[in-house]
Amino acid sequence: MTDVIPYIHIISDSTGETAVTMLKAALVHHQAEHIHVVRHKNIRTEDQVLNILNIAQKNKSLVVYTVINEEFAQYIQNQVQIYGLFSIDLLSPILQKMDLFLGTTPDTRKEVGKLRAVDENYFKRIEAIEFTVRFDDGKSLTGIEEADIILLGVSRTSKTPLSIYLSHKGLKVANIPIVLNQMPPDKIYQIDQKKIIALTIDIESLKKIRSNRAAKLGASADHDYASLAHIFNEIEFANELYKKNRRWPVINVTDKALEETAAEIIRIVGNRMGWTDCAF
């Protein structure tokens, strides 16, 4: 006779991730193989609960639920007993103890979905960081139109640090270097120009930054990269390019803190793109 495969049905008023994580931790301590875990997300009505319990009853399943609303949790518990099923209420005991400890009540708790919102923000940041790394220093142009912000500037105008900083706020950022006597890729002109920010810096400041960089790399201070003449030509080339593209706001990063420049970029692009999310 074939063994019956056990089922666990998860009922959640959000994503059910909490229940899944806790079940995985618990199952490690049991010699239970081939368990079917079925997750039911965003369950908010009694009819939804009854439909799940009808399914669960066929396999005499374990019902695990994570529900914030106490009345709804109690309803699930009552119905589970009627159906004759084993159940685990993962949240109610914890919430009740926390209410006693913190002096809160069910009415003052954060609403359903707050944890999901946190998770979504987290994954949004991770996606933004991965995007930004992929599009750093003009390494790729494929899919660049998905960027929230595009930074242009000569070498050492803080393009990469700004990009990474902004990506940690959930913004997808691409940055492209301006190289002397080389026009930017044609694709730059095919995307929404409101996303583009041009960066510039004072010549003397750039000279100092590049000289320090060259010294760390063991290069000569007279190398083109750090020479005053070459830097002057680069800045002039970039400025002429910016003048021809008046739609690109120009930010001078000289002696500015990274946070200050990032805030200015967010404000400018946000106003141009009509962003309403102030979380940035």
Protein backbone atom coordinates (compact mmCIF):
# COMPACT_ATOMS: atom_id res chain seq x y z
CA MET A 1 0.00 0.00 0.00
CA THR A 2 1.37 3.45 -0.95
CA ASP A 3 2.06 5.81 1.95
CA VAL A 4 -0.09 8.92 2.07
CA ILE A 5 1.93 12.06 1.29
CA PRO A 6 1.31 14.65 4.01
CA TYR A 7 0.06 18.09 3.08
CA ILE A 8 0.50 21.38 4.90
CA HIS A 9 -1.77 24.24 3.86
CA ILE A 10 -0.60 27.75 4.74
CA ILE A 11 -3.24 30.46 5.09
CA SER A 12 -1.91 34.02 5.13
CA ASP A 13 -3.45 37.46 4.84
CA SER A 14 -0.17 38.58 3.24
CA THR A 15 2.53 36.68 1.35
CA GLY A 16 2.90 33.71 3.69
CA GLU A 17 6.69 34.10 3.77
CA THR A 18 6.70 34.14 7.57
CA ALA A 19 4.95 30.78 7.75
CA VAL A 20 7.17 29.24 5.07
CA THR A 21 10.34 30.33 6.88
CA MET A 22 9.15 29.00 10.23
CA LEU A 23 7.97 25.72 8.74
CA LYS A 24 11.32 25.15 7.07
CA ALA A 25 13.07 25.72 10.38
CA ALA A 26 10.73 23.30 12.14
CA LEU A 27 10.86 20.58 9.48
CA VAL A 28 14.63 20.38 9.77
CA HIS A 29 14.09 18.67 13.12
CA HIS A 30 11.72 16.03 11.73
CA GLN A 31 12.34 13.10 9.45
CA ALA A 32 9.62 14.24 7.12
CA GLU A 33 10.16 13.82 3.42
CA HIS A 34 8.02 14.58 0.41
CA ILE A 35 5.75 16.95 2.26
CA HIS A 36 3.57 19.08 0.01
CA VAL A 37 3.40 22.65 1.30
CA VAL A 38 0.63 24.69 -0.32
CA ARG A 39 0.70 28.42 0.28
CA HIS A 40 -2.52 30.47 0.04
CA LYS A 41 -1.69 34.19 -0.10
CA ASN A 42 -3.82 37.28 0.51
CA ILE A 43 -6.66 35.37 2.17
CA ARG A 44 -9.09 37.94 3.57
CA THR A 45 -12.58 36.41 3.41
CA GLU A 46 -14.44 33.56 5.11
CA ASP A 47 -15.38 32.01 1.77
CA GLN A 48 -11.69 31.79 0.84
CA VAL A 49 -10.97 30.01 4.13
CA LEU A 50 -13.77 27.49 3.62
CA ASN A 51 -12.58 26.67 0.10
CA ILE A 52 -9.08 25.97 1.45
CA LEU A 53 -10.37 23.84 4.33
CA ASN A 54 -12.50 21.77 1.95
CA ILE A 55 -9.32 20.95 0.04
CA ALA A 56 -7.31 20.37 3.22
CA GLN A 57 -9.90 17.97 4.64
CA LYS A 58 -9.49 15.57 1.71
CA ASN A 59 -5.89 14.90 2.72
CA LYS A 60 -6.31 15.44 6.48
CA SER A 61 -3.80 18.25 6.12
CA LEU A 62 -2.10 20.36 8.72
CA VAL A 63 -3.32 23.96 8.50
CA VAL A 64 -0.84 26.69 9.41
CA TYR A 65 -2.01 30.28 9.42
CA THR A 66 -0.52 33.74 9.89
CA VAL A 67 -3.30 36.30 10.21
CA ILE A 68 -3.05 39.70 11.87
CA ASN A 69 -6.75 40.28 12.56
CA GLU A 70 -7.71 38.46 15.78
CA GLU A 71 -11.35 37.92 14.84
CA PHE A 72 -10.36 36.42 11.50
CA ALA A 73 -7.75 34.22 13.17
CA GLN A 74 -10.38 33.00 15.63
CA TYR A 75 -12.76 32.26 12.75
CA ILE A 76 -10.10 30.12 11.08
CA GLN A 77 -9.46 28.28 14.35
CA ASN A 78 -13.18 27.56 14.83
CA GLN A 79 -13.58 26.25 11.30
CA VAL A 80 -10.46 24.10 11.53
CA GLN A 81 -11.96 22.40 14.60
CA ILE A 82 -15.23 21.84 12.78
CA TYR A 83 -13.33 20.21 9.90
CA GLY A 84 -11.39 18.07 12.38
CA LEU A 85 -7.95 19.21 11.24
CA PHE A 86 -4.72 19.88 13.05
CA SER A 87 -3.72 23.53 12.99
CA ILE A 88 -1.02 25.94 14.12
CA ASP A 89 -1.66 29.63 14.70
CA LEU A 90 1.81 31.12 14.28
CA LEU A 91 1.05 34.79 14.91
CA SER A 92 -1.71 35.20 17.49
CA PRO A 93 0.28 33.96 20.55
CA ILE A 94 3.25 36.15 19.59
CA LEU A 95 1.10 39.22 18.93
CA GLN A 96 -0.81 38.81 22.19
CA LYS A 97 2.39 38.56 24.23
CA MET A 98 3.85 41.57 22.40
CA ASP A 99 0.68 43.55 23.14
CA LEU A 100 1.12 42.82 26.84
CA PHE A 101 4.81 43.69 26.77
CA LEU A 102 4.51 46.86 24.68
CA GLY A 103 1.17 48.04 25.99
CA THR A 104 -0.40 47.97 22.52
CA THR A 105 -3.76 46.69 21.34
CA PRO A 106 -4.89 44.99 18.13
CA ASP A 107 -6.27 48.34 16.96
CA THR A 108 -2.88 50.05 17.23
CA ARG A 109 -0.88 47.43 15.37
CA LYS A 110 0.38 48.13 11.87
CA GLU A 111 -1.98 47.07 9.15
CA VAL A 112 -1.82 43.89 7.11
CA GLY A 113 0.81 43.98 4.40
CA LYS A 114 3.40 46.12 6.22
CA LEU A 115 5.87 43.24 6.25
CA ARG A 116 5.22 42.64 2.58
CA ALA A 117 5.89 46.32 1.87
CA VAL A 118 9.23 46.03 3.67
CA ASP A 119 10.09 42.93 1.66
CA GLU A 120 9.14 44.63 -1.59
CA ASN A 121 11.31 47.63 -0.76
CA TYR A 122 14.20 45.31 0.05
CA PHE A 123 13.96 43.44 -3.23
CA LYS A 124 13.55 46.72 -5.08
CA ARG A 125 16.88 47.90 -3.65
CA ILE A 126 18.61 44.64 -4.53
CA GLU A 127 17.31 44.85 -8.10
CA ALA A 128 18.44 48.48 -8.35
CA ILE A 129 21.92 47.67 -7.05
CA GLU A 130 22.33 44.77 -9.50
CA PHE A 131 21.14 46.97 -12.36
CA THR A 132 23.51 49.78 -11.38
CA VAL A 133 26.54 47.50 -11.18
CA ARG A 134 25.69 46.08 -14.59
CA PHE A 135 25.46 49.55 -16.13
CA ASP A 136 28.49 51.08 -14.41
CA ASP A 137 30.95 53.08 -16.50
CA GLY A 138 29.17 52.38 -19.77
CA LYS A 139 29.81 48.63 -19.58
CA SER A 140 26.42 47.91 -21.12
CA LEU A 141 23.74 49.80 -23.03
CA THR A 142 21.29 46.96 -23.56
CA GLY A 143 18.27 47.77 -21.45
CA ILE A 144 19.58 51.15 -20.33
CA GLU A 145 16.17 52.67 -21.07
CA GLU A 146 14.96 50.96 -17.87
CA ALA A 147 17.24 53.21 -15.79
CA ASP A 148 15.63 55.76 -13.48
CA ILE A 149 18.68 58.02 -13.73
CA ILE A 150 21.56 58.26 -16.19
CA LEU A 151 24.74 60.09 -15.18
CA LEU A 152 27.25 61.49 -17.67
CA GLY A 153 30.66 62.91 -16.83
CA VAL A 154 34.40 62.70 -17.35
CA SER A 155 36.42 60.29 -15.26
CA ARG A 156 36.52 60.98 -11.48
CA THR A 157 33.39 63.10 -11.28
CA SER A 158 31.90 60.65 -8.73
CA LYS A 159 29.71 58.84 -11.25
CA THR A 160 30.15 55.39 -9.72
CA PRO A 161 29.90 56.39 -6.02
CA LEU A 162 26.78 58.43 -6.80
CA SER A 163 25.27 55.57 -8.78
CA ILE A 164 25.80 53.06 -5.98
CA TYR A 165 24.52 55.49 -3.34
CA LEU A 166 21.36 56.14 -5.36
CA SER A 167 20.85 52.44 -6.06
CA HIS A 168 20.68 51.77 -2.32
CA LYS A 169 17.61 54.01 -2.34
CA GLY A 170 15.98 51.72 -4.89
CA LEU A 171 16.87 53.74 -8.00
CA LYS A 172 18.24 52.06 -11.09
CA VAL A 173 21.20 54.14 -12.23
CA ALA A 174 23.43 53.93 -15.30
CA ASN A 175 26.55 56.01 -15.75
CA ILE A 176 28.48 56.69 -18.93
CA PRO A 177 31.94 58.27 -19.16
CA ILE A 178 32.59 61.29 -21.32
CA VAL A 179 35.85 60.63 -23.17
CA LEU A 180 37.82 63.33 -24.97
CA ASN A 181 36.86 63.62 -28.67
CA GLN A 182 34.41 60.71 -28.43
CA MET A 183 30.71 61.36 -28.77
CA PRO A 184 28.35 59.53 -26.40
CA PRO A 185 26.63 56.44 -27.79
CA ASP A 186 23.68 57.16 -30.10
CA LYS A 187 21.40 55.21 -27.76
CA ILE A 188 21.69 58.01 -25.20
CA TYR A 189 19.71 60.27 -27.50
CA GLN A 190 17.00 57.65 -28.03
CA ILE A 191 15.90 57.43 -24.38
CA ASP A 192 13.95 59.84 -22.19
CA GLN A 193 16.24 62.86 -21.86
CA LYS A 194 14.60 63.85 -18.57
CA LYS A 195 16.50 60.98 -16.90
CA ILE A 196 19.94 62.36 -17.81
CA ILE A 197 22.13 64.37 -15.47
CA ALA A 198 25.49 65.79 -16.58
CA LEU A 199 28.28 66.08 -14.03
CA THR A 200 31.17 68.49 -14.09
CA ILE A 201 33.99 69.55 -11.73
CA ASP A 202 36.54 72.34 -11.40
CA ILE A 203 39.76 71.69 -13.28
CA GLU A 204 42.07 72.17 -10.30
CA SER A 205 40.02 69.84 -8.14
CA LEU A 206 39.99 67.19 -10.83
CA LYS A 207 43.74 67.57 -11.28
CA LYS A 208 44.27 66.88 -7.57
CA ILE A 209 41.93 63.87 -7.55
CA ARG A 210 43.52 62.33 -10.62
CA SER A 211 47.07 62.95 -9.42
CA ASN A 212 46.28 61.11 -6.20
CA ARG A 213 44.69 58.31 -8.19
CA ALA A 214 47.67 58.09 -10.55
CA ALA A 215 50.08 57.94 -7.59
CA LYS A 216 48.15 55.03 -6.07
CA LEU A 217 48.34 53.20 -9.39
CA GLY A 218 52.06 53.95 -9.73
CA ALA A 219 51.59 56.13 -12.82
CA SER A 220 53.52 59.31 -13.57
CA ALA A 221 51.96 62.61 -12.55
CA ASP A 222 52.64 63.80 -16.11
CA HIS A 223 50.55 61.00 -17.60
CA ASP A 224 47.72 62.33 -19.78
CA TYR A 225 45.17 61.08 -17.25
CA ALA A 226 46.48 63.51 -14.62
CA SER A 227 48.05 66.26 -16.74
CA LEU A 228 46.51 69.72 -16.45
CA ALA A 229 46.43 70.21 -20.22
CA HIS A 230 44.59 66.95 -20.83
CA ILE A 231 42.12 67.61 -18.02
CA PHE A 232 41.42 71.11 -19.36
CA ASN A 233 40.67 69.67 -22.81
CA GLU A 234 38.41 67.00 -21.34
CA ILE A 235 36.39 69.47 -19.31
CA GLU A 236 36.09 71.83 -22.28
CA PHE A 237 34.95 68.96 -24.50
CA ALA A 238 32.36 67.88 -21.92
CA ASN A 239 31.11 71.44 -21.43
CA GLU A 240 30.67 71.94 -25.18
CA LEU A 241 28.75 68.66 -25.33
CA TYR A 242 26.50 69.81 -22.50
CA LYS A 243 25.83 73.14 -24.23
CA LYS A 244 24.63 71.26 -27.31
CA ASN A 245 22.24 69.23 -25.15
CA ARG A 246 20.43 71.84 -23.08
CA ARG A 247 17.98 69.25 -21.78
CA TRP A 248 20.73 67.79 -19.57
CA PRO A 249 20.93 69.62 -16.23
CA VAL A 250 24.56 70.13 -15.22
CA ILE A 251 25.66 69.61 -11.61
CA ASN A 252 29.06 70.74 -10.42
CA VAL A 253 30.31 68.17 -7.89
CA THR A 254 33.31 70.21 -6.73
CA ASP A 255 33.68 69.99 -2.94
CA LYS A 256 30.15 68.63 -2.60
CA ALA A 257 29.29 65.79 -0.25
CA LEU A 258 28.01 62.68 -2.00
CA GLU A 259 24.69 62.92 -0.14
CA GLU A 260 24.24 66.54 -1.19
CA THR A 261 24.79 65.78 -4.86
CA ALA A 262 22.55 62.70 -4.70
CA ALA A 263 19.74 64.72 -3.12
CA GLU A 264 20.03 67.32 -5.89
CA ILE A 265 19.92 64.60 -8.56
CA ILE A 266 16.82 63.03 -7.01
CA ARG A 267 15.11 66.41 -6.76
CA ILE A 268 15.83 67.35 -10.38
CA VAL A 269 14.99 64.02 -11.98
CA GLY A 270 12.04 63.50 -9.63
CA ASN A 271 10.51 66.83 -10.65
CA ARG A 272 11.09 66.14 -14.32
CA MET A 273 9.69 62.59 -14.19
CA GLY A 274 6.82 63.42 -11.85
CA TRP A 275 7.86 61.12 -9.06
CA THR A 276 5.49 61.23 -6.11
CA ASP A 277 7.31 58.66 -3.95
CA CYS A 278 9.20 60.65 -1.31
CA ALA A 279 10.92 57.51 0.09
CA PHE A 280 14.00 58.29 -1.98
